[in-house]
Amino acid sequence: SDALLLASLLQKIQAKASAVELPDGCTGVMNFTVSMSGNSLSVSANCQSGTVIMSELDFALPHSDFVSTPSVIFDSRTGSASSVDIDICGSGHKFRVSVNKVAYVGKPSYLGSC
């Protein structure tokens, strides 16, 4: 269930980036950066006026931890994203959520035990 929650949140962030949604305090958003550590995920908007932390999108996986901690960047100007695989582990099971360079967030895939 954590992998599905993660994929859903990444899709929400991708939608904000593609809609060029401007968070408060931001002029001219360039991209949204998603950072992961432990079981936590945080989001910031990189704007022409500086970086704005989007704490309303902060999220903690209830039952899993991130195995890999890449940053994902959704570019508002080009509609692209950094191509990354995000692995999480919970209850001895490892799942992967992939984001490709055209900003498509894939469904979670099961990778076996961790």
Protein backbone atom coordinates (compact mmCIF):
# COMPACT_ATOMS: atom_id res chain seq x y z
CA SER A 1 0.00 0.00 0.00
CA ASP A 2 2.93 2.38 0.66
CA ALA A 3 4.16 1.98 -2.92
CA LEU A 4 0.70 2.88 -4.22
CA LEU A 5 0.62 5.94 -1.94
CA LEU A 6 4.04 6.99 -3.21
CA ALA A 7 3.03 6.60 -6.87
CA SER A 8 -0.16 8.58 -6.25
CA LEU A 9 1.72 11.44 -4.57
CA LEU A 10 4.30 11.56 -7.36
CA GLN A 11 1.47 11.75 -9.91
CA LYS A 12 -0.03 14.65 -7.96
CA ILE A 13 3.30 16.51 -7.96
CA GLN A 14 3.77 15.81 -11.67
CA ALA A 15 0.32 17.27 -12.34
CA LYS A 16 1.23 20.43 -10.39
CA ALA A 17 4.42 20.76 -12.42
CA SER A 18 2.72 20.25 -15.78
CA ALA A 19 -0.01 22.74 -14.84
CA VAL A 20 2.77 25.19 -13.88
CA GLU A 21 1.06 25.67 -10.52
CA LEU A 22 2.62 28.54 -8.59
CA PRO A 23 2.88 27.98 -4.83
CA ASP A 24 2.65 30.99 -2.51
CA GLY A 25 5.81 33.08 -2.65
CA CYS A 26 6.82 31.78 -6.05
CA THR A 27 7.12 33.68 -9.28
CA GLY A 28 7.89 31.77 -12.44
CA VAL A 29 8.17 28.15 -11.27
CA MET A 30 10.85 26.23 -13.13
CA ASN A 31 10.57 22.78 -11.56
CA PHE A 32 9.46 20.77 -8.57
CA THR A 33 12.07 18.71 -6.71
CA VAL A 34 11.08 15.67 -4.66
CA SER A 35 13.64 14.51 -2.07
CA MET A 36 13.52 11.31 -0.03
CA SER A 37 15.26 10.11 3.12
CA GLY A 38 14.40 7.38 5.61
CA ASN A 39 10.64 7.13 5.31
CA SER A 40 10.09 10.83 4.51
CA LEU A 41 9.49 12.71 1.29
CA SER A 42 9.67 16.49 0.85
CA VAL A 43 8.89 18.76 -2.08
CA SER A 44 10.23 22.14 -3.10
CA ALA A 45 9.40 24.44 -6.00
CA ASN A 46 12.39 26.01 -7.68
CA CYS A 47 11.23 29.42 -8.86
CA GLN A 48 12.78 32.40 -10.55
CA SER A 49 12.43 34.16 -7.19
CA GLY A 50 14.12 31.33 -5.23
CA THR A 51 13.17 28.02 -3.65
CA VAL A 52 9.82 27.54 -1.93
CA ILE A 53 9.35 24.57 0.41
CA MET A 54 5.96 22.94 -0.17
CA SER A 55 5.41 21.50 3.31
CA GLU A 56 1.77 20.68 2.51
CA LEU A 57 3.12 17.88 0.28
CA ASP A 58 5.51 16.44 2.90
CA PHE A 59 4.78 12.77 3.38
CA ALA A 60 5.99 9.86 5.50
CA LEU A 61 5.53 6.27 4.38
CA PRO A 62 3.48 4.61 7.13
CA HIS A 63 5.02 1.11 6.88
CA SER A 64 8.14 1.36 4.69
CA ASP A 65 11.46 3.09 4.22
CA PHE A 66 13.16 4.32 1.09
CA VAL A 67 15.95 1.96 -0.02
CA SER A 68 17.11 4.31 -2.73
CA THR A 69 16.96 8.05 -2.16
CA PRO A 70 17.23 9.75 -5.53
CA SER A 71 15.76 13.17 -6.11
CA VAL A 72 13.04 13.45 -8.71
CA ILE A 73 12.80 16.67 -10.67
CA PHE A 74 9.61 17.47 -12.57
CA ASP A 75 10.42 20.27 -15.03
CA SER A 76 7.51 22.67 -15.56
CA ARG A 77 9.04 24.25 -18.65
CA THR A 78 9.59 21.08 -20.68
CA GLY A 79 7.14 18.62 -19.10
CA SER A 80 10.03 16.22 -18.54
CA ALA A 81 11.39 14.60 -15.40
CA SER A 82 14.56 13.01 -14.16
CA SER A 83 14.40 9.32 -14.95
CA VAL A 84 14.68 7.42 -11.65
CA ASP A 85 13.74 4.22 -9.89
CA ILE A 86 12.59 4.64 -6.31
CA ASP A 87 12.79 1.51 -4.18
CA ILE A 88 11.03 1.10 -0.86
CA CYS A 89 11.08 -1.75 1.64
CA GLY A 90 8.43 -2.64 4.18
CA SER A 91 7.56 -5.85 6.04
CA GLY A 92 10.38 -7.62 4.20
CA HIS A 93 9.04 -6.77 0.74
CA LYS A 94 10.69 -4.47 -1.79
CA PHE A 95 8.76 -2.41 -4.33
CA ARG A 96 9.86 -0.01 -7.07
CA VAL A 97 8.12 3.09 -8.42
CA SER A 98 9.69 4.39 -11.63
CA VAL A 99 9.53 7.86 -13.12
CA ASN A 100 10.64 8.18 -16.74
CA LYS A 101 12.03 11.15 -18.64
CA VAL A 102 8.62 12.13 -20.04
CA ALA A 103 7.37 12.45 -16.42
CA TYR A 104 5.30 9.25 -16.46
CA VAL A 105 4.97 7.72 -12.99
CA GLY A 106 4.64 3.97 -13.34
CA LYS A 107 2.64 1.56 -11.22
CA PRO A 108 4.60 -0.06 -8.38
CA SER A 109 6.37 -3.29 -9.22
CA TYR A 110 7.28 -6.03 -6.74
CA LEU A 111 11.00 -6.81 -6.57
CA GLY A 112 11.03 -9.58 -3.99
CA SER A 113 12.29 -9.60 -0.44
CA CYS A 114 14.55 -7.02 1.16
